Amino acid sequence: GVYWQLVRAGFRRQSHYRLAMLAGL
């Protein structure tokens, strides 16, 4: 459960970098 929460936290963390994702695309 702890590791699953860390997976979710990483997913949310990356979702904050929308401009970086656009630049990467």
PDBML (XML) file of the C-alpha atoms, coordinates in Angstrom:
<?xml version="1.0" encoding="UTF-8" ?>
<PDBx:datablock datablockName="MODEL"
   xmlns:PDBx="http://pdbml.pdb.org/schema/pdbx-v50.xsd"
   xmlns:xsi="http://www.w3.org/2001/XMLSchema-instance"
   xsi:schemaLocation="http://pdbml.pdb.org/schema/pdbx-v50.xsd pdbx-v50.xsd">
   <PDBx:atom_siteCategory>
      <PDBx:atom_site id="1">
         <PDBx:B_iso_or_equiv>0.00</PDBx:B_iso_or_equiv>
         <PDBx:Cartn_x>0.000</PDBx:Cartn_x>
         <PDBx:Cartn_y>0.000</PDBx:Cartn_y>
         <PDBx:Cartn_z>0.000</PDBx:Cartn_z>
         <PDBx:auth_asym_id>A</PDBx:auth_asym_id>
         <PDBx:auth_atom_id>CA</PDBx:auth_atom_id>
         <PDBx:auth_comp_id>GLY</PDBx:auth_comp_id>
         <PDBx:auth_seq_id>1</PDBx:auth_seq_id>
         <PDBx:group_PDB>ATOM</PDBx:group_PDB>
         <PDBx:label_alt_id xsi:nil="true" />
         <PDBx:label_asym_id>A</PDBx:label_asym_id>
         <PDBx:label_atom_id>CA</PDBx:label_atom_id>
         <PDBx:label_comp_id>GLY</PDBx:label_comp_id>
         <PDBx:label_entity_id>1</PDBx:label_entity_id>
         <PDBx:label_seq_id>1</PDBx:label_seq_id>
         <PDBx:occupancy>1.00</PDBx:occupancy>
         <PDBx:pdbx_PDB_model_num>1</PDBx:pdbx_PDB_model_num>
         <PDBx:type_symbol>C</PDBx:type_symbol>
      </PDBx:atom_site>
      <PDBx:atom_site id="2">
         <PDBx:B_iso_or_equiv>0.00</PDBx:B_iso_or_equiv>
         <PDBx:Cartn_x>2.830</PDBx:Cartn_x>
         <PDBx:Cartn_y>2.404</PDBx:Cartn_y>
         <PDBx:Cartn_z>0.761</PDBx:Cartn_z>
         <PDBx:auth_asym_id>A</PDBx:auth_asym_id>
         <PDBx:auth_atom_id>CA</PDBx:auth_atom_id>
         <PDBx:auth_comp_id>VAL</PDBx:auth_comp_id>
         <PDBx:auth_seq_id>2</PDBx:auth_seq_id>
         <PDBx:group_PDB>ATOM</PDBx:group_PDB>
         <PDBx:label_alt_id xsi:nil="true" />
         <PDBx:label_asym_id>A</PDBx:label_asym_id>
         <PDBx:label_atom_id>CA</PDBx:label_atom_id>
         <PDBx:label_comp_id>VAL</PDBx:label_comp_id>
         <PDBx:label_entity_id>1</PDBx:label_entity_id>
         <PDBx:label_seq_id>2</PDBx:label_seq_id>
         <PDBx:occupancy>1.00</PDBx:occupancy>
         <PDBx:pdbx_PDB_model_num>1</PDBx:pdbx_PDB_model_num>
         <PDBx:type_symbol>C</PDBx:type_symbol>
      </PDBx:atom_site>
      <PDBx:atom_site id="3">
         <PDBx:B_iso_or_equiv>0.00</PDBx:B_iso_or_equiv>
         <PDBx:Cartn_x>4.527</PDBx:Cartn_x>
         <PDBx:Cartn_y>1.740</PDBx:Cartn_y>
         <PDBx:Cartn_z>-2.574</PDBx:Cartn_z>
         <PDBx:auth_asym_id>A</PDBx:auth_asym_id>
         <PDBx:auth_atom_id>CA</PDBx:auth_atom_id>
         <PDBx:auth_comp_id>TYR</PDBx:auth_comp_id>
         <PDBx:auth_seq_id>3</PDBx:auth_seq_id>
         <PDBx:group_PDB>ATOM</PDBx:group_PDB>
         <PDBx:label_alt_id xsi:nil="true" />
         <PDBx:label_asym_id>A</PDBx:label_asym_id>
         <PDBx:label_atom_id>CA</PDBx:label_atom_id>
         <PDBx:label_comp_id>TYR</PDBx:label_comp_id>
         <PDBx:label_entity_id>1</PDBx:label_entity_id>
         <PDBx:label_seq_id>3</PDBx:label_seq_id>
         <PDBx:occupancy>1.00</PDBx:occupancy>
         <PDBx:pdbx_PDB_model_num>1</PDBx:pdbx_PDB_model_num>
         <PDBx:type_symbol>C</PDBx:type_symbol>
      </PDBx:atom_site>
      <PDBx:atom_site id="4">
         <PDBx:B_iso_or_equiv>0.00</PDBx:B_iso_or_equiv>
         <PDBx:Cartn_x>1.210</PDBx:Cartn_x>
         <PDBx:Cartn_y>2.127</PDBx:Cartn_y>
         <PDBx:Cartn_z>-4.395</PDBx:Cartn_z>
         <PDBx:auth_asym_id>A</PDBx:auth_asym_id>
         <PDBx:auth_atom_id>CA</PDBx:auth_atom_id>
         <PDBx:auth_comp_id>TRP</PDBx:auth_comp_id>
         <PDBx:auth_seq_id>4</PDBx:auth_seq_id>
         <PDBx:group_PDB>ATOM</PDBx:group_PDB>
         <PDBx:label_alt_id xsi:nil="true" />
         <PDBx:label_asym_id>A</PDBx:label_asym_id>
         <PDBx:label_atom_id>CA</PDBx:label_atom_id>
         <PDBx:label_comp_id>TRP</PDBx:label_comp_id>
         <PDBx:label_entity_id>1</PDBx:label_entity_id>
         <PDBx:label_seq_id>4</PDBx:label_seq_id>
         <PDBx:occupancy>1.00</PDBx:occupancy>
         <PDBx:pdbx_PDB_model_num>1</PDBx:pdbx_PDB_model_num>
         <PDBx:type_symbol>C</PDBx:type_symbol>
      </PDBx:atom_site>
      <PDBx:atom_site id="5">
         <PDBx:B_iso_or_equiv>0.00</PDBx:B_iso_or_equiv>
         <PDBx:Cartn_x>0.752</PDBx:Cartn_x>
         <PDBx:Cartn_y>5.505</PDBx:Cartn_y>
         <PDBx:Cartn_z>-2.751</PDBx:Cartn_z>
         <PDBx:auth_asym_id>A</PDBx:auth_asym_id>
         <PDBx:auth_atom_id>CA</PDBx:auth_atom_id>
         <PDBx:auth_comp_id>GLN</PDBx:auth_comp_id>
         <PDBx:auth_seq_id>5</PDBx:auth_seq_id>
         <PDBx:group_PDB>ATOM</PDBx:group_PDB>
         <PDBx:label_alt_id xsi:nil="true" />
         <PDBx:label_asym_id>A</PDBx:label_asym_id>
         <PDBx:label_atom_id>CA</PDBx:label_atom_id>
         <PDBx:label_comp_id>GLN</PDBx:label_comp_id>
         <PDBx:label_entity_id>1</PDBx:label_entity_id>
         <PDBx:label_seq_id>5</PDBx:label_seq_id>
         <PDBx:occupancy>1.00</PDBx:occupancy>
         <PDBx:pdbx_PDB_model_num>1</PDBx:pdbx_PDB_model_num>
         <PDBx:type_symbol>C</PDBx:type_symbol>
      </PDBx:atom_site>
      <PDBx:atom_site id="6">
         <PDBx:B_iso_or_equiv>0.00</PDBx:B_iso_or_equiv>
         <PDBx:Cartn_x>4.233</PDBx:Cartn_x>
         <PDBx:Cartn_y>6.456</PDBx:Cartn_y>
         <PDBx:Cartn_z>-3.946</PDBx:Cartn_z>
         <PDBx:auth_asym_id>A</PDBx:auth_asym_id>
         <PDBx:auth_atom_id>CA</PDBx:auth_atom_id>
         <PDBx:auth_comp_id>LEU</PDBx:auth_comp_id>
         <PDBx:auth_seq_id>6</PDBx:auth_seq_id>
         <PDBx:group_PDB>ATOM</PDBx:group_PDB>
         <PDBx:label_alt_id xsi:nil="true" />
         <PDBx:label_asym_id>A</PDBx:label_asym_id>
         <PDBx:label_atom_id>CA</PDBx:label_atom_id>
         <PDBx:label_comp_id>LEU</PDBx:label_comp_id>
         <PDBx:label_entity_id>1</PDBx:label_entity_id>
         <PDBx:label_seq_id>6</PDBx:label_seq_id>
         <PDBx:occupancy>1.00</PDBx:occupancy>
         <PDBx:pdbx_PDB_model_num>1</PDBx:pdbx_PDB_model_num>
         <PDBx:type_symbol>C</PDBx:type_symbol>
      </PDBx:atom_site>
      <PDBx:atom_site id="7">
         <PDBx:B_iso_or_equiv>0.00</PDBx:B_iso_or_equiv>
         <PDBx:Cartn_x>3.262</PDBx:Cartn_x>
         <PDBx:Cartn_y>5.465</PDBx:Cartn_y>
         <PDBx:Cartn_z>-7.498</PDBx:Cartn_z>
         <PDBx:auth_asym_id>A</PDBx:auth_asym_id>
         <PDBx:auth_atom_id>CA</PDBx:auth_atom_id>
         <PDBx:auth_comp_id>VAL</PDBx:auth_comp_id>
         <PDBx:auth_seq_id>7</PDBx:auth_seq_id>
         <PDBx:group_PDB>ATOM</PDBx:group_PDB>
         <PDBx:label_alt_id xsi:nil="true" />
         <PDBx:label_asym_id>A</PDBx:label_asym_id>
         <PDBx:label_atom_id>CA</PDBx:label_atom_id>
         <PDBx:label_comp_id>VAL</PDBx:label_comp_id>
         <PDBx:label_entity_id>1</PDBx:label_entity_id>
         <PDBx:label_seq_id>7</PDBx:label_seq_id>
         <PDBx:occupancy>1.00</PDBx:occupancy>
         <PDBx:pdbx_PDB_model_num>1</PDBx:pdbx_PDB_model_num>
         <PDBx:type_symbol>C</PDBx:type_symbol>
      </PDBx:atom_site>
      <PDBx:atom_site id="8">
         <PDBx:B_iso_or_equiv>0.00</PDBx:B_iso_or_equiv>
         <PDBx:Cartn_x>0.216</PDBx:Cartn_x>
         <PDBx:Cartn_y>7.706</PDBx:Cartn_y>
         <PDBx:Cartn_z>-7.252</PDBx:Cartn_z>
         <PDBx:auth_asym_id>A</PDBx:auth_asym_id>
         <PDBx:auth_atom_id>CA</PDBx:auth_atom_id>
         <PDBx:auth_comp_id>ARG</PDBx:auth_comp_id>
         <PDBx:auth_seq_id>8</PDBx:auth_seq_id>
         <PDBx:group_PDB>ATOM</PDBx:group_PDB>
         <PDBx:label_alt_id xsi:nil="true" />
         <PDBx:label_asym_id>A</PDBx:label_asym_id>
         <PDBx:label_atom_id>CA</PDBx:label_atom_id>
         <PDBx:label_comp_id>ARG</PDBx:label_comp_id>
         <PDBx:label_entity_id>1</PDBx:label_entity_id>
         <PDBx:label_seq_id>8</PDBx:label_seq_id>
         <PDBx:occupancy>1.00</PDBx:occupancy>
         <PDBx:pdbx_PDB_model_num>1</PDBx:pdbx_PDB_model_num>
         <PDBx:type_symbol>C</PDBx:type_symbol>
      </PDBx:atom_site>
      <PDBx:atom_site id="9">
         <PDBx:B_iso_or_equiv>0.00</PDBx:B_iso_or_equiv>
         <PDBx:Cartn_x>2.295</PDBx:Cartn_x>
         <PDBx:Cartn_y>10.524</PDBx:Cartn_y>
         <PDBx:Cartn_z>-5.793</PDBx:Cartn_z>
         <PDBx:auth_asym_id>A</PDBx:auth_asym_id>
         <PDBx:auth_atom_id>CA</PDBx:auth_atom_id>
         <PDBx:auth_comp_id>ALA</PDBx:auth_comp_id>
         <PDBx:auth_seq_id>9</PDBx:auth_seq_id>
         <PDBx:group_PDB>ATOM</PDBx:group_PDB>
         <PDBx:label_alt_id xsi:nil="true" />
         <PDBx:label_asym_id>A</PDBx:label_asym_id>
         <PDBx:label_atom_id>CA</PDBx:label_atom_id>
         <PDBx:label_comp_id>ALA</PDBx:label_comp_id>
         <PDBx:label_entity_id>1</PDBx:label_entity_id>
         <PDBx:label_seq_id>9</PDBx:label_seq_id>
         <PDBx:occupancy>1.00</PDBx:occupancy>
         <PDBx:pdbx_PDB_model_num>1</PDBx:pdbx_PDB_model_num>
         <PDBx:type_symbol>C</PDBx:type_symbol>
      </PDBx:atom_site>
      <PDBx:atom_site id="10">
         <PDBx:B_iso_or_equiv>0.00</PDBx:B_iso_or_equiv>
         <PDBx:Cartn_x>4.741</PDBx:Cartn_x>
         <PDBx:Cartn_y>10.267</PDBx:Cartn_y>
         <PDBx:Cartn_z>-8.688</PDBx:Cartn_z>
         <PDBx:auth_asym_id>A</PDBx:auth_asym_id>
         <PDBx:auth_atom_id>CA</PDBx:auth_atom_id>
         <PDBx:auth_comp_id>GLY</PDBx:auth_comp_id>
         <PDBx:auth_seq_id>10</PDBx:auth_seq_id>
         <PDBx:group_PDB>ATOM</PDBx:group_PDB>
         <PDBx:label_alt_id xsi:nil="true" />
         <PDBx:label_asym_id>A</PDBx:label_asym_id>
         <PDBx:label_atom_id>CA</PDBx:label_atom_id>
         <PDBx:label_comp_id>GLY</PDBx:label_comp_id>
         <PDBx:label_entity_id>1</PDBx:label_entity_id>
         <PDBx:label_seq_id>10</PDBx:label_seq_id>
         <PDBx:occupancy>1.00</PDBx:occupancy>
         <PDBx:pdbx_PDB_model_num>1</PDBx:pdbx_PDB_model_num>
         <PDBx:type_symbol>C</PDBx:type_symbol>
      </PDBx:atom_site>
      <PDBx:atom_site id="11">
         <PDBx:B_iso_or_equiv>0.00</PDBx:B_iso_or_equiv>
         <PDBx:Cartn_x>1.858</PDBx:Cartn_x>
         <PDBx:Cartn_y>10.366</PDBx:Cartn_y>
         <PDBx:Cartn_z>-11.165</PDBx:Cartn_z>
         <PDBx:auth_asym_id>A</PDBx:auth_asym_id>
         <PDBx:auth_atom_id>CA</PDBx:auth_atom_id>
         <PDBx:auth_comp_id>PHE</PDBx:auth_comp_id>
         <PDBx:auth_seq_id>11</PDBx:auth_seq_id>
         <PDBx:group_PDB>ATOM</PDBx:group_PDB>
         <PDBx:label_alt_id xsi:nil="true" />
         <PDBx:label_asym_id>A</PDBx:label_asym_id>
         <PDBx:label_atom_id>CA</PDBx:label_atom_id>
         <PDBx:label_comp_id>PHE</PDBx:label_comp_id>
         <PDBx:label_entity_id>1</PDBx:label_entity_id>
         <PDBx:label_seq_id>11</PDBx:label_seq_id>
         <PDBx:occupancy>1.00</PDBx:occupancy>
         <PDBx:pdbx_PDB_model_num>1</PDBx:pdbx_PDB_model_num>
         <PDBx:type_symbol>C</PDBx:type_symbol>
      </PDBx:atom_site>
      <PDBx:atom_site id="12">
         <PDBx:B_iso_or_equiv>0.00</PDBx:B_iso_or_equiv>
         <PDBx:Cartn_x>0.437</PDBx:Cartn_x>
         <PDBx:Cartn_y>13.511</PDBx:Cartn_y>
         <PDBx:Cartn_z>-9.543</PDBx:Cartn_z>
         <PDBx:auth_asym_id>A</PDBx:auth_asym_id>
         <PDBx:auth_atom_id>CA</PDBx:auth_atom_id>
         <PDBx:auth_comp_id>ARG</PDBx:auth_comp_id>
         <PDBx:auth_seq_id>12</PDBx:auth_seq_id>
         <PDBx:group_PDB>ATOM</PDBx:group_PDB>
         <PDBx:label_alt_id xsi:nil="true" />
         <PDBx:label_asym_id>A</PDBx:label_asym_id>
         <PDBx:label_atom_id>CA</PDBx:label_atom_id>
         <PDBx:label_comp_id>ARG</PDBx:label_comp_id>
         <PDBx:label_entity_id>1</PDBx:label_entity_id>
         <PDBx:label_seq_id>12</PDBx:label_seq_id>
         <PDBx:occupancy>1.00</PDBx:occupancy>
         <PDBx:pdbx_PDB_model_num>1</PDBx:pdbx_PDB_model_num>
         <PDBx:type_symbol>C</PDBx:type_symbol>
      </PDBx:atom_site>
      <PDBx:atom_site id="13">
         <PDBx:B_iso_or_equiv>0.00</PDBx:B_iso_or_equiv>
         <PDBx:Cartn_x>3.882</PDBx:Cartn_x>
         <PDBx:Cartn_y>15.094</PDBx:Cartn_y>
         <PDBx:Cartn_z>-9.314</PDBx:Cartn_z>
         <PDBx:auth_asym_id>A</PDBx:auth_asym_id>
         <PDBx:auth_atom_id>CA</PDBx:auth_atom_id>
         <PDBx:auth_comp_id>ARG</PDBx:auth_comp_id>
         <PDBx:auth_seq_id>13</PDBx:auth_seq_id>
         <PDBx:group_PDB>ATOM</PDBx:group_PDB>
         <PDBx:label_alt_id xsi:nil="true" />
         <PDBx:label_asym_id>A</PDBx:label_asym_id>
         <PDBx:label_atom_id>CA</PDBx:label_atom_id>
         <PDBx:label_comp_id>ARG</PDBx:label_comp_id>
         <PDBx:label_entity_id>1</PDBx:label_entity_id>
         <PDBx:label_seq_id>13</PDBx:label_seq_id>
         <PDBx:occupancy>1.00</PDBx:occupancy>
         <PDBx:pdbx_PDB_model_num>1</PDBx:pdbx_PDB_model_num>
         <PDBx:type_symbol>C</PDBx:type_symbol>
      </PDBx:atom_site>
      <PDBx:atom_site id="14">
         <PDBx:B_iso_or_equiv>0.00</PDBx:B_iso_or_equiv>
         <PDBx:Cartn_x>4.513</PDBx:Cartn_x>
         <PDBx:Cartn_y>14.670</PDBx:Cartn_y>
         <PDBx:Cartn_z>-13.026</PDBx:Cartn_z>
         <PDBx:auth_asym_id>A</PDBx:auth_asym_id>
         <PDBx:auth_atom_id>CA</PDBx:auth_atom_id>
         <PDBx:auth_comp_id>GLN</PDBx:auth_comp_id>
         <PDBx:auth_seq_id>14</PDBx:auth_seq_id>
         <PDBx:group_PDB>ATOM</PDBx:group_PDB>
         <PDBx:label_alt_id xsi:nil="true" />
         <PDBx:label_asym_id>A</PDBx:label_asym_id>
         <PDBx:label_atom_id>CA</PDBx:label_atom_id>
         <PDBx:label_comp_id>GLN</PDBx:label_comp_id>
         <PDBx:label_entity_id>1</PDBx:label_entity_id>
         <PDBx:label_seq_id>14</PDBx:label_seq_id>
         <PDBx:occupancy>1.00</PDBx:occupancy>
         <PDBx:pdbx_PDB_model_num>1</PDBx:pdbx_PDB_model_num>
         <PDBx:type_symbol>C</PDBx:type_symbol>
      </PDBx:atom_site>
      <PDBx:atom_site id="15">
         <PDBx:B_iso_or_equiv>0.00</PDBx:B_iso_or_equiv>
         <PDBx:Cartn_x>1.054</PDBx:Cartn_x>
         <PDBx:Cartn_y>16.041</PDBx:Cartn_y>
         <PDBx:Cartn_z>-13.900</PDBx:Cartn_z>
         <PDBx:auth_asym_id>A</PDBx:auth_asym_id>
         <PDBx:auth_atom_id>CA</PDBx:auth_atom_id>
         <PDBx:auth_comp_id>SER</PDBx:auth_comp_id>
         <PDBx:auth_seq_id>15</PDBx:auth_seq_id>
         <PDBx:group_PDB>ATOM</PDBx:group_PDB>
         <PDBx:label_alt_id xsi:nil="true" />
         <PDBx:label_asym_id>A</PDBx:label_asym_id>
         <PDBx:label_atom_id>CA</PDBx:label_atom_id>
         <PDBx:label_comp_id>SER</PDBx:label_comp_id>
         <PDBx:label_entity_id>1</PDBx:label_entity_id>
         <PDBx:label_seq_id>15</PDBx:label_seq_id>
         <PDBx:occupancy>1.00</PDBx:occupancy>
         <PDBx:pdbx_PDB_model_num>1</PDBx:pdbx_PDB_model_num>
         <PDBx:type_symbol>C</PDBx:type_symbol>
      </PDBx:atom_site>
      <PDBx:atom_site id="16">
         <PDBx:B_iso_or_equiv>0.00</PDBx:B_iso_or_equiv>
         <PDBx:Cartn_x>2.100</PDBx:Cartn_x>
         <PDBx:Cartn_y>19.441</PDBx:Cartn_y>
         <PDBx:Cartn_z>-12.539</PDBx:Cartn_z>
         <PDBx:auth_asym_id>A</PDBx:auth_asym_id>
         <PDBx:auth_atom_id>CA</PDBx:auth_atom_id>
         <PDBx:auth_comp_id>HIS</PDBx:auth_comp_id>
         <PDBx:auth_seq_id>16</PDBx:auth_seq_id>
         <PDBx:group_PDB>ATOM</PDBx:group_PDB>
         <PDBx:label_alt_id xsi:nil="true" />
         <PDBx:label_asym_id>A</PDBx:label_asym_id>
         <PDBx:label_atom_id>CA</PDBx:label_atom_id>
         <PDBx:label_comp_id>HIS</PDBx:label_comp_id>
         <PDBx:label_entity_id>1</PDBx:label_entity_id>
         <PDBx:label_seq_id>16</PDBx:label_seq_id>
         <PDBx:occupancy>1.00</PDBx:occupancy>
         <PDBx:pdbx_PDB_model_num>1</PDBx:pdbx_PDB_model_num>
         <PDBx:type_symbol>C</PDBx:type_symbol>
      </PDBx:atom_site>
      <PDBx:atom_site id="17">
         <PDBx:B_iso_or_equiv>0.00</PDBx:B_iso_or_equiv>
         <PDBx:Cartn_x>4.716</PDBx:Cartn_x>
         <PDBx:Cartn_y>19.904</PDBx:Cartn_y>
         <PDBx:Cartn_z>-15.282</PDBx:Cartn_z>
         <PDBx:auth_asym_id>A</PDBx:auth_asym_id>
         <PDBx:auth_atom_id>CA</PDBx:auth_atom_id>
         <PDBx:auth_comp_id>TYR</PDBx:auth_comp_id>
         <PDBx:auth_seq_id>17</PDBx:auth_seq_id>
         <PDBx:group_PDB>ATOM</PDBx:group_PDB>
         <PDBx:label_alt_id xsi:nil="true" />
         <PDBx:label_asym_id>A</PDBx:label_asym_id>
         <PDBx:label_atom_id>CA</PDBx:label_atom_id>
         <PDBx:label_comp_id>TYR</PDBx:label_comp_id>
         <PDBx:label_entity_id>1</PDBx:label_entity_id>
         <PDBx:label_seq_id>17</PDBx:label_seq_id>
         <PDBx:occupancy>1.00</PDBx:occupancy>
         <PDBx:pdbx_PDB_model_num>1</PDBx:pdbx_PDB_model_num>
         <PDBx:type_symbol>C</PDBx:type_symbol>
      </PDBx:atom_site>
      <PDBx:atom_site id="18">
         <PDBx:B_iso_or_equiv>0.00</PDBx:B_iso_or_equiv>
         <PDBx:Cartn_x>2.346</PDBx:Cartn_x>
         <PDBx:Cartn_y>20.506</PDBx:Cartn_y>
         <PDBx:Cartn_z>-18.183</PDBx:Cartn_z>
         <PDBx:auth_asym_id>A</PDBx:auth_asym_id>
         <PDBx:auth_atom_id>CA</PDBx:auth_atom_id>
         <PDBx:auth_comp_id>ARG</PDBx:auth_comp_id>
         <PDBx:auth_seq_id>18</PDBx:auth_seq_id>
         <PDBx:group_PDB>ATOM</PDBx:group_PDB>
         <PDBx:label_alt_id xsi:nil="true" />
         <PDBx:label_asym_id>A</PDBx:label_asym_id>
         <PDBx:label_atom_id>CA</PDBx:label_atom_id>
         <PDBx:label_comp_id>ARG</PDBx:label_comp_id>
         <PDBx:label_entity_id>1</PDBx:label_entity_id>
         <PDBx:label_seq_id>18</PDBx:label_seq_id>
         <PDBx:occupancy>1.00</PDBx:occupancy>
         <PDBx:pdbx_PDB_model_num>1</PDBx:pdbx_PDB_model_num>
         <PDBx:type_symbol>C</PDBx:type_symbol>
      </PDBx:atom_site>
      <PDBx:atom_site id="19">
         <PDBx:B_iso_or_equiv>0.00</PDBx:B_iso_or_equiv>
         <PDBx:Cartn_x>4.573</PDBx:Cartn_x>
         <PDBx:Cartn_y>22.983</PDBx:Cartn_y>
         <PDBx:Cartn_z>-20.025</PDBx:Cartn_z>
         <PDBx:auth_asym_id>A</PDBx:auth_asym_id>
         <PDBx:auth_atom_id>CA</PDBx:auth_atom_id>
         <PDBx:auth_comp_id>LEU</PDBx:auth_comp_id>
         <PDBx:auth_seq_id>19</PDBx:auth_seq_id>
         <PDBx:group_PDB>ATOM</PDBx:group_PDB>
         <PDBx:label_alt_id xsi:nil="true" />
         <PDBx:label_asym_id>A</PDBx:label_asym_id>
         <PDBx:label_atom_id>CA</PDBx:label_atom_id>
         <PDBx:label_comp_id>LEU</PDBx:label_comp_id>
         <PDBx:label_entity_id>1</PDBx:label_entity_id>
         <PDBx:label_seq_id>19</PDBx:label_seq_id>
         <PDBx:occupancy>1.00</PDBx:occupancy>
         <PDBx:pdbx_PDB_model_num>1</PDBx:pdbx_PDB_model_num>
         <PDBx:type_symbol>C</PDBx:type_symbol>
      </PDBx:atom_site>
      <PDBx:atom_site id="20">
         <PDBx:B_iso_or_equiv>0.00</PDBx:B_iso_or_equiv>
         <PDBx:Cartn_x>7.531</PDBx:Cartn_x>
         <PDBx:Cartn_y>20.635</PDBx:Cartn_y>
         <PDBx:Cartn_z>-19.699</PDBx:Cartn_z>
         <PDBx:auth_asym_id>A</PDBx:auth_asym_id>
         <PDBx:auth_atom_id>CA</PDBx:auth_atom_id>
         <PDBx:auth_comp_id>ALA</PDBx:auth_comp_id>
         <PDBx:auth_seq_id>20</PDBx:auth_seq_id>
         <PDBx:group_PDB>ATOM</PDBx:group_PDB>
         <PDBx:label_alt_id xsi:nil="true" />
         <PDBx:label_asym_id>A</PDBx:label_asym_id>
         <PDBx:label_atom_id>CA</PDBx:label_atom_id>
         <PDBx:label_comp_id>ALA</PDBx:label_comp_id>
         <PDBx:label_entity_id>1</PDBx:label_entity_id>
         <PDBx:label_seq_id>20</PDBx:label_seq_id>
         <PDBx:occupancy>1.00</PDBx:occupancy>
         <PDBx:pdbx_PDB_model_num>1</PDBx:pdbx_PDB_model_num>
         <PDBx:type_symbol>C</PDBx:type_symbol>
      </PDBx:atom_site>
      <PDBx:atom_site id="21">
         <PDBx:B_iso_or_equiv>0.00</PDBx:B_iso_or_equiv>
         <PDBx:Cartn_x>5.388</PDBx:Cartn_x>
         <PDBx:Cartn_y>17.837</PDBx:Cartn_y>
         <PDBx:Cartn_z>-21.135</PDBx:Cartn_z>
         <PDBx:auth_asym_id>A</PDBx:auth_asym_id>
         <PDBx:auth_atom_id>CA</PDBx:auth_atom_id>
         <PDBx:auth_comp_id>MET</PDBx:auth_comp_id>
         <PDBx:auth_seq_id>21</PDBx:auth_seq_id>
         <PDBx:group_PDB>ATOM</PDBx:group_PDB>
         <PDBx:label_alt_id xsi:nil="true" />
         <PDBx:label_asym_id>A</PDBx:label_asym_id>
         <PDBx:label_atom_id>CA</PDBx:label_atom_id>
         <PDBx:label_comp_id>MET</PDBx:label_comp_id>
         <PDBx:label_entity_id>1</PDBx:label_entity_id>
         <PDBx:label_seq_id>21</PDBx:label_seq_id>
         <PDBx:occupancy>1.00</PDBx:occupancy>
         <PDBx:pdbx_PDB_model_num>1</PDBx:pdbx_PDB_model_num>
         <PDBx:type_symbol>C</PDBx:type_symbol>
      </PDBx:atom_site>
      <PDBx:atom_site id="22">
         <PDBx:B_iso_or_equiv>0.00</PDBx:B_iso_or_equiv>
         <PDBx:Cartn_x>4.393</PDBx:Cartn_x>
         <PDBx:Cartn_y>20.070</PDBx:Cartn_y>
         <PDBx:Cartn_z>-24.060</PDBx:Cartn_z>
         <PDBx:auth_asym_id>A</PDBx:auth_asym_id>
         <PDBx:auth_atom_id>CA</PDBx:auth_atom_id>
         <PDBx:auth_comp_id>LEU</PDBx:auth_comp_id>
         <PDBx:auth_seq_id>22</PDBx:auth_seq_id>
         <PDBx:group_PDB>ATOM</PDBx:group_PDB>
         <PDBx:label_alt_id xsi:nil="true" />
         <PDBx:label_asym_id>A</PDBx:label_asym_id>
         <PDBx:label_atom_id>CA</PDBx:label_atom_id>
         <PDBx:label_comp_id>LEU</PDBx:label_comp_id>
         <PDBx:label_entity_id>1</PDBx:label_entity_id>
         <PDBx:label_seq_id>22</PDBx:label_seq_id>
         <PDBx:occupancy>1.00</PDBx:occupancy>
         <PDBx:pdbx_PDB_model_num>1</PDBx:pdbx_PDB_model_num>
         <PDBx:type_symbol>C</PDBx:type_symbol>
      </PDBx:atom_site>
      <PDBx:atom_site id="23">
         <PDBx:B_iso_or_equiv>0.00</PDBx:B_iso_or_equiv>
         <PDBx:Cartn_x>8.033</PDBx:Cartn_x>
         <PDBx:Cartn_y>20.988</PDBx:Cartn_y>
         <PDBx:Cartn_z>-24.698</PDBx:Cartn_z>
         <PDBx:auth_asym_id>A</PDBx:auth_asym_id>
         <PDBx:auth_atom_id>CA</PDBx:auth_atom_id>
         <PDBx:auth_comp_id>ALA</PDBx:auth_comp_id>
         <PDBx:auth_seq_id>23</PDBx:auth_seq_id>
         <PDBx:group_PDB>ATOM</PDBx:group_PDB>
         <PDBx:label_alt_id xsi:nil="true" />
         <PDBx:label_asym_id>A</PDBx:label_asym_id>
         <PDBx:label_atom_id>CA</PDBx:label_atom_id>
         <PDBx:label_comp_id>ALA</PDBx:label_comp_id>
         <PDBx:label_entity_id>1</PDBx:label_entity_id>
         <PDBx:label_seq_id>23</PDBx:label_seq_id>
         <PDBx:occupancy>1.00</PDBx:occupancy>
         <PDBx:pdbx_PDB_model_num>1</PDBx:pdbx_PDB_model_num>
         <PDBx:type_symbol>C</PDBx:type_symbol>
      </PDBx:atom_site>
      <PDBx:atom_site id="24">
         <PDBx:B_iso_or_equiv>0.00</PDBx:B_iso_or_equiv>
         <PDBx:Cartn_x>8.967</PDBx:Cartn_x>
         <PDBx:Cartn_y>17.305</PDBx:Cartn_y>
         <PDBx:Cartn_z>-24.562</PDBx:Cartn_z>
         <PDBx:auth_asym_id>A</PDBx:auth_asym_id>
         <PDBx:auth_atom_id>CA</PDBx:auth_atom_id>
         <PDBx:auth_comp_id>GLY</PDBx:auth_comp_id>
         <PDBx:auth_seq_id>24</PDBx:auth_seq_id>
         <PDBx:group_PDB>ATOM</PDBx:group_PDB>
         <PDBx:label_alt_id xsi:nil="true" />
         <PDBx:label_asym_id>A</PDBx:label_asym_id>
         <PDBx:label_atom_id>CA</PDBx:label_atom_id>
         <PDBx:label_comp_id>GLY</PDBx:label_comp_id>
         <PDBx:label_entity_id>1</PDBx:label_entity_id>
         <PDBx:label_seq_id>24</PDBx:label_seq_id>
         <PDBx:occupancy>1.00</PDBx:occupancy>
         <PDBx:pdbx_PDB_model_num>1</PDBx:pdbx_PDB_model_num>
         <PDBx:type_symbol>C</PDBx:type_symbol>
      </PDBx:atom_site>
      <PDBx:atom_site id="25">
         <PDBx:B_iso_or_equiv>0.00</PDBx:B_iso_or_equiv>
         <PDBx:Cartn_x>6.217</PDBx:Cartn_x>
         <PDBx:Cartn_y>16.444</PDBx:Cartn_y>
         <PDBx:Cartn_z>-27.042</PDBx:Cartn_z>
         <PDBx:auth_asym_id>A</PDBx:auth_asym_id>
         <PDBx:auth_atom_id>CA</PDBx:auth_atom_id>
         <PDBx:auth_comp_id>LEU</PDBx:auth_comp_id>
         <PDBx:auth_seq_id>25</PDBx:auth_seq_id>
         <PDBx:group_PDB>ATOM</PDBx:group_PDB>
         <PDBx:label_alt_id xsi:nil="true" />
         <PDBx:label_asym_id>A</PDBx:label_asym_id>
         <PDBx:label_atom_id>CA</PDBx:label_atom_id>
         <PDBx:label_comp_id>LEU</PDBx:label_comp_id>
         <PDBx:label_entity_id>1</PDBx:label_entity_id>
         <PDBx:label_seq_id>25</PDBx:label_seq_id>
         <PDBx:occupancy>1.00</PDBx:occupancy>
         <PDBx:pdbx_PDB_model_num>1</PDBx:pdbx_PDB_model_num>
         <PDBx:type_symbol>C</PDBx:type_symbol>
      </PDBx:atom_site>
   </PDBx:atom_siteCategory>
</PDBx:datablock>
